[in-house]
Amino acid sequence: MNILRRVFPLAGLVTAVASLSGCNILIPDVAADSPARFVQETSPVFYQPPGVDPRRVRPIPDQPVPQTRELYQTQFHQTYGLPVSNPVHMAMYGALRDEDFTLPAIPVSRVQPQFLRQEVDYQTTERPGTVIVDTKAHFLYFVEANGKAMRYGVGLGREGYAWSGRGVIQWKQKWPRWTPPVEMVSRQPDVRAFSAENGGMNPGLQNPLGARAMYIFKDGQDTLYRIHGTPDWQSIGKATSSGCVRMLNQDVVDLYDRLPAKAEIVVM
């Protein structure tokens, strides 16, 4: 009996071990230590389109990094086409409260950059304080010292090409009244309501002379030649149907403040 009691537990242990051998609990998986199997199970899978030999695919070359950058013309803006605005121009041509009027902001992004106010190198024999109007290039220069000048873009009407030479800015006026000359009234009867006999047009944002006007005299006589502001910012840099020398209203205010009394002017 004692022998049977010792045999039966041993037989049960053997049976249990045999039943568990299918789970590999007691038999180690030595293949898991194989480096080849490790690489196969962990290597990444790449997309390979049919008919494409990856050995013949050329890599995309690295784009060169620009070594020089101009202000507001960066690689980022050129790539994504984002609108760029110069904060200095935004300040110069923003809305401006002047006297009893508020000049609206000018959309500088729609004005050609060369016609925006800027200080430039300008060699001339004219003394500082002189105004020079270049009718061909549509520029007005206010001569400064040391070979510099403040340059403004201008628009020129028919009257703007009618006179050239040397004169004096005899008189300048803030928010002037507009009185069209007799020739314009005869040519455009719709402006007769603003003729001299009817008192002219009141100052204001729609007045063709804009925020300032400067009246040119020669030998003590009015040349009927004017430098003035305009609400029509789109006419700057262009030839227009009427008017003398048109400036952006913000620019004509700036020029007005710079001009000394009886400043000389040269129109060429």
Protein backbone atom coordinates (compact mmCIF):
# COMPACT_ATOMS: atom_id res chain seq x y z
CA MET A 1 0.00 0.00 0.00
CA ASN A 2 2.82 2.33 0.81
CA ILE A 3 4.29 1.69 -2.61
CA LEU A 4 1.02 2.64 -4.38
CA ARG A 5 0.73 5.81 -2.34
CA ARG A 6 4.17 6.90 -3.58
CA VAL A 7 3.57 5.91 -7.24
CA PHE A 8 0.21 7.61 -7.86
CA PRO A 9 1.37 11.16 -7.00
CA LEU A 10 4.41 10.73 -9.27
CA ALA A 11 2.20 9.57 -12.14
CA GLY A 12 -0.07 12.59 -11.68
CA LEU A 13 2.91 14.92 -11.86
CA VAL A 14 4.12 13.37 -15.13
CA THR A 15 0.62 13.68 -16.64
CA ALA A 16 0.38 17.36 -15.69
CA VAL A 17 3.77 18.13 -17.17
CA ALA A 18 2.84 16.38 -20.43
CA SER A 19 -0.40 18.34 -20.70
CA LEU A 20 1.39 21.67 -20.25
CA SER A 21 4.16 20.94 -22.74
CA GLY A 22 1.97 22.26 -25.58
CA CYS A 23 2.13 25.76 -24.08
CA ASN A 24 5.91 25.81 -24.16
CA ILE A 25 5.97 26.81 -20.54
CA LEU A 26 8.77 24.50 -19.69
CA ILE A 27 10.46 24.47 -23.14
CA PRO A 28 12.31 27.76 -23.84
CA ASP A 29 12.00 29.46 -27.30
CA VAL A 30 15.67 29.66 -28.16
CA ALA A 31 14.88 31.11 -31.64
CA ALA A 32 13.83 34.42 -30.04
CA ASP A 33 17.46 35.11 -29.39
CA SER A 34 18.30 34.89 -33.10
CA PRO A 35 19.56 38.24 -34.50
CA ALA A 36 18.14 37.41 -37.95
CA ARG A 37 14.67 36.88 -36.50
CA PHE A 38 14.96 40.10 -34.48
CA VAL A 39 15.75 42.12 -37.61
CA GLN A 40 12.90 40.51 -39.54
CA GLU A 41 10.34 41.29 -36.84
CA THR A 42 11.46 44.87 -36.15
CA SER A 43 12.52 46.14 -39.58
CA PRO A 44 10.30 49.04 -40.91
CA VAL A 45 7.99 48.52 -43.87
CA PHE A 46 8.30 51.07 -46.72
CA TYR A 47 5.71 51.87 -49.36
CA GLN A 48 6.95 50.66 -52.71
CA PRO A 49 4.70 51.59 -55.66
CA PRO A 50 4.43 48.90 -58.30
CA GLY A 51 6.83 49.31 -61.20
CA VAL A 52 9.17 51.65 -59.25
CA ASP A 53 12.68 50.52 -58.49
CA PRO A 54 13.67 52.29 -55.26
CA ARG A 55 17.31 51.98 -56.27
CA ARG A 56 16.62 54.25 -59.28
CA VAL A 57 14.66 56.94 -57.40
CA ARG A 58 16.72 60.11 -57.07
CA PRO A 59 16.54 61.92 -53.74
CA ILE A 60 15.23 65.50 -53.67
CA PRO A 61 18.25 67.82 -53.50
CA ASP A 62 18.59 70.06 -50.48
CA GLN A 63 17.38 73.61 -51.13
CA PRO A 64 20.16 76.18 -50.69
CA VAL A 65 19.75 78.53 -47.75
CA PRO A 66 19.65 82.16 -48.97
CA GLN A 67 22.69 84.04 -47.75
CA THR A 68 21.30 87.54 -48.21
CA ARG A 69 17.82 88.68 -47.37
CA GLU A 70 16.11 91.92 -48.26
CA LEU A 71 13.66 93.54 -45.90
CA TYR A 72 10.11 92.24 -46.44
CA GLN A 73 11.24 89.96 -49.26
CA THR A 74 12.11 86.82 -47.32
CA GLN A 75 12.09 83.25 -48.56
CA PHE A 76 9.00 82.66 -46.41
CA HIS A 77 6.97 85.40 -48.06
CA GLN A 78 8.12 84.46 -51.55
CA THR A 79 7.17 80.82 -50.95
CA TYR A 80 3.76 81.33 -49.45
CA GLY A 81 2.79 84.58 -51.15
CA LEU A 82 1.75 86.32 -47.95
CA PRO A 83 0.96 90.02 -48.27
CA VAL A 84 3.77 92.17 -47.01
CA SER A 85 3.42 95.71 -45.72
CA ASN A 86 6.14 98.06 -44.59
CA PRO A 87 5.26 99.32 -41.09
CA VAL A 88 7.00 102.63 -41.87
CA HIS A 89 4.70 103.20 -44.85
CA MET A 90 1.71 102.16 -42.78
CA ALA A 91 2.60 104.86 -40.26
CA MET A 92 3.23 107.54 -42.91
CA TYR A 93 0.06 106.85 -44.86
CA GLY A 94 -2.34 105.87 -42.11
CA ALA A 95 -5.46 107.85 -41.23
CA LEU A 96 -4.50 111.42 -40.28
CA ARG A 97 -6.53 113.92 -38.28
CA ASP A 98 -5.83 117.37 -39.74
CA GLU A 99 -7.71 120.55 -38.84
CA ASP A 100 -11.43 119.66 -38.98
CA PHE A 101 -10.94 116.69 -41.29
CA THR A 102 -9.64 113.14 -41.04
CA LEU A 103 -7.68 111.99 -44.05
CA PRO A 104 -8.41 108.32 -44.77
CA ALA A 105 -5.58 105.81 -44.84
CA ILE A 106 -4.05 105.15 -48.24
CA PRO A 107 -3.77 101.51 -49.40
CA VAL A 108 0.00 101.70 -49.89
CA SER A 109 0.17 98.09 -51.12
CA ARG A 110 -1.63 99.28 -54.26
CA VAL A 111 0.73 102.20 -54.91
CA GLN A 112 3.97 101.48 -56.77
CA PRO A 113 6.77 101.60 -54.14
CA GLN A 114 8.91 104.12 -56.04
CA PHE A 115 6.12 106.70 -55.73
CA LEU A 116 5.97 106.50 -51.93
CA ARG A 117 7.75 109.13 -49.86
CA GLN A 118 11.42 108.32 -49.26
CA GLU A 119 14.74 110.03 -48.72
CA VAL A 120 17.15 109.45 -51.61
CA ASP A 121 20.59 110.45 -52.76
CA TYR A 122 20.20 113.43 -55.09
CA GLN A 123 23.04 115.49 -56.48
CA THR A 124 22.04 118.97 -57.59
CA THR A 125 23.40 122.49 -57.63
CA GLU A 126 20.11 123.80 -56.20
CA ARG A 127 20.30 124.91 -52.59
CA PRO A 128 18.46 123.08 -49.78
CA GLY A 129 14.80 124.05 -49.51
CA THR A 130 14.29 124.12 -53.28
CA VAL A 131 11.51 122.06 -54.89
CA ILE A 132 12.30 120.27 -58.15
CA VAL A 133 9.55 118.65 -60.24
CA ASP A 134 10.66 116.01 -62.73
CA THR A 135 7.63 115.78 -65.02
CA LYS A 136 9.07 112.88 -67.04
CA ALA A 137 9.70 110.60 -64.07
CA HIS A 138 6.65 111.83 -62.06
CA PHE A 139 8.81 112.74 -59.07
CA LEU A 140 8.94 115.80 -56.85
CA TYR A 141 12.15 116.41 -54.88
CA PHE A 142 12.56 118.58 -51.81
CA VAL A 143 16.29 119.30 -51.76
CA GLU A 144 18.05 118.66 -48.45
CA ALA A 145 21.64 119.13 -47.34
CA ASN A 146 24.52 116.70 -47.93
CA GLY A 147 23.37 115.42 -51.31
CA LYS A 148 20.01 114.17 -50.07
CA ALA A 149 16.43 114.90 -51.05
CA MET A 150 12.97 113.85 -49.95
CA ARG A 151 11.28 112.33 -52.99
CA TYR A 152 7.54 112.12 -53.56
CA GLY A 153 5.55 110.53 -56.34
CA VAL A 154 3.23 112.86 -58.25
CA GLY A 155 0.48 112.68 -60.82
CA LEU A 156 0.40 115.23 -63.63
CA GLY A 157 -2.61 116.61 -65.40
CA ARG A 158 -2.78 118.57 -68.63
CA GLU A 159 -1.94 121.79 -66.77
CA GLY A 160 0.99 120.03 -65.10
CA TYR A 161 2.79 119.78 -68.43
CA ALA A 162 1.86 123.30 -69.54
CA TRP A 163 4.54 125.19 -67.62
CA SER A 164 8.22 124.66 -66.95
CA GLY A 165 11.01 126.82 -65.67
CA ARG A 166 11.93 128.50 -62.41
CA GLY A 167 9.55 130.20 -60.03
CA VAL A 168 8.70 130.86 -56.40
CA ILE A 169 6.08 129.28 -54.16
CA GLN A 170 4.56 132.62 -53.34
CA TRP A 171 1.64 131.34 -51.30
CA LYS A 172 0.54 128.12 -49.70
CA GLN A 173 -2.78 127.25 -48.18
CA LYS A 174 -4.22 124.62 -45.83
CA TRP A 175 -7.49 123.07 -46.98
CA PRO A 176 -7.93 125.51 -49.88
CA ARG A 177 -11.07 126.32 -51.81
CA TRP A 178 -11.06 125.07 -55.38
CA THR A 179 -11.89 127.53 -58.11
CA PRO A 180 -11.54 125.96 -61.57
CA PRO A 181 -10.07 128.28 -64.19
CA VAL A 182 -12.26 129.71 -66.94
CA GLU A 183 -10.71 127.38 -69.51
CA MET A 184 -11.75 124.33 -67.47
CA VAL A 185 -15.25 125.65 -66.95
CA SER A 186 -15.66 126.12 -70.70
CA ARG A 187 -14.25 122.66 -71.31
CA GLN A 188 -16.23 120.96 -68.53
CA PRO A 189 -19.57 122.75 -67.95
CA ASP A 190 -20.37 120.42 -65.04
CA VAL A 191 -17.87 122.31 -62.85
CA ARG A 192 -19.52 125.69 -63.48
CA ALA A 193 -21.15 125.48 -60.04
CA PHE A 194 -17.67 125.87 -58.55
CA SER A 195 -16.51 128.74 -60.74
CA ALA A 196 -15.07 131.93 -59.27
CA GLU A 197 -18.34 133.76 -59.71
CA ASN A 198 -20.06 131.05 -57.66
CA GLY A 199 -17.49 131.11 -54.86
CA GLY A 200 -15.60 127.90 -55.68
CA MET A 201 -15.79 124.55 -53.89
CA ASN A 202 -15.62 124.38 -50.13
CA PRO A 203 -12.61 122.67 -48.53
CA GLY A 204 -13.08 118.99 -47.79
CA LEU A 205 -12.08 115.44 -48.52
CA GLN A 206 -13.59 115.55 -52.01
CA ASN A 207 -12.06 118.88 -52.94
CA PRO A 208 -9.73 118.36 -55.97
CA LEU A 209 -7.00 120.44 -54.28
CA GLY A 210 -6.93 118.10 -51.31
CA ALA A 211 -5.46 119.04 -47.94
CA ARG A 212 -2.89 121.60 -49.16
CA ALA A 213 -2.14 123.79 -52.17
CA MET A 214 1.03 125.66 -53.13
CA TYR A 215 0.76 128.44 -55.70
CA ILE A 216 3.63 129.09 -58.11
CA PHE A 217 4.51 132.63 -59.20
CA LYS A 218 7.12 133.87 -61.65
CA ASP A 219 8.26 137.48 -61.79
CA GLY A 220 5.40 138.37 -59.44
CA GLN A 221 2.73 136.83 -61.70
CA ASP A 222 0.59 133.80 -60.94
CA THR A 223 1.55 131.00 -63.33
CA LEU A 224 -1.73 129.15 -62.52
CA TYR A 225 0.59 126.25 -61.76
CA ARG A 226 -0.23 124.44 -58.50
CA ILE A 227 1.16 121.71 -56.31
CA HIS A 228 -1.73 120.23 -54.41
CA GLY A 229 -3.10 117.15 -52.71
CA THR A 230 -5.65 114.82 -54.18
CA PRO A 231 -8.13 112.29 -52.84
CA ASP A 232 -7.47 110.23 -55.99
CA TRP A 233 -4.45 108.22 -54.81
CA GLN A 234 -4.64 106.06 -57.94
CA SER A 235 -3.53 109.02 -60.10
CA ILE A 236 -0.05 109.16 -58.53
CA GLY A 237 2.63 108.28 -61.06
CA LYS A 238 0.23 108.74 -63.95
CA ALA A 239 -0.90 111.36 -66.46
CA THR A 240 -4.43 112.51 -65.68
CA SER A 241 -7.01 114.53 -67.53
CA SER A 242 -6.77 117.68 -65.43
CA GLY A 243 -4.91 119.28 -62.55
CA CYS A 244 -1.34 120.44 -62.06
CA VAL A 245 0.97 118.46 -59.78
CA ARG A 246 -0.98 116.03 -57.62
CA MET A 247 0.38 114.50 -54.44
CA LEU A 248 -1.00 112.02 -51.95
CA ASN A 249 -2.70 114.04 -49.25
CA GLN A 250 -0.38 112.69 -46.54
CA ASP A 251 2.59 113.66 -48.73
CA VAL A 252 1.40 117.17 -49.50
CA VAL A 253 0.92 117.77 -45.77
CA ASP A 254 4.50 116.60 -45.19
CA LEU A 255 5.88 118.82 -47.97
CA TYR A 256 3.86 121.82 -46.74
CA ASP A 257 5.47 121.53 -43.31
CA ARG A 258 8.98 121.33 -44.77
CA LEU A 259 8.72 124.28 -47.18
CA PRO A 260 10.38 127.53 -46.12
CA ALA A 261 8.72 130.84 -46.97
CA LYS A 262 9.06 131.83 -50.63
CA ALA A 263 10.74 128.58 -51.56
CA GLU A 264 12.18 128.35 -55.04
CA ILE A 265 10.82 125.77 -57.46
CA VAL A 266 12.23 124.32 -60.67
CA VAL A 267 9.95 122.44 -63.08
CA MET A 268 11.59 120.47 -65.86
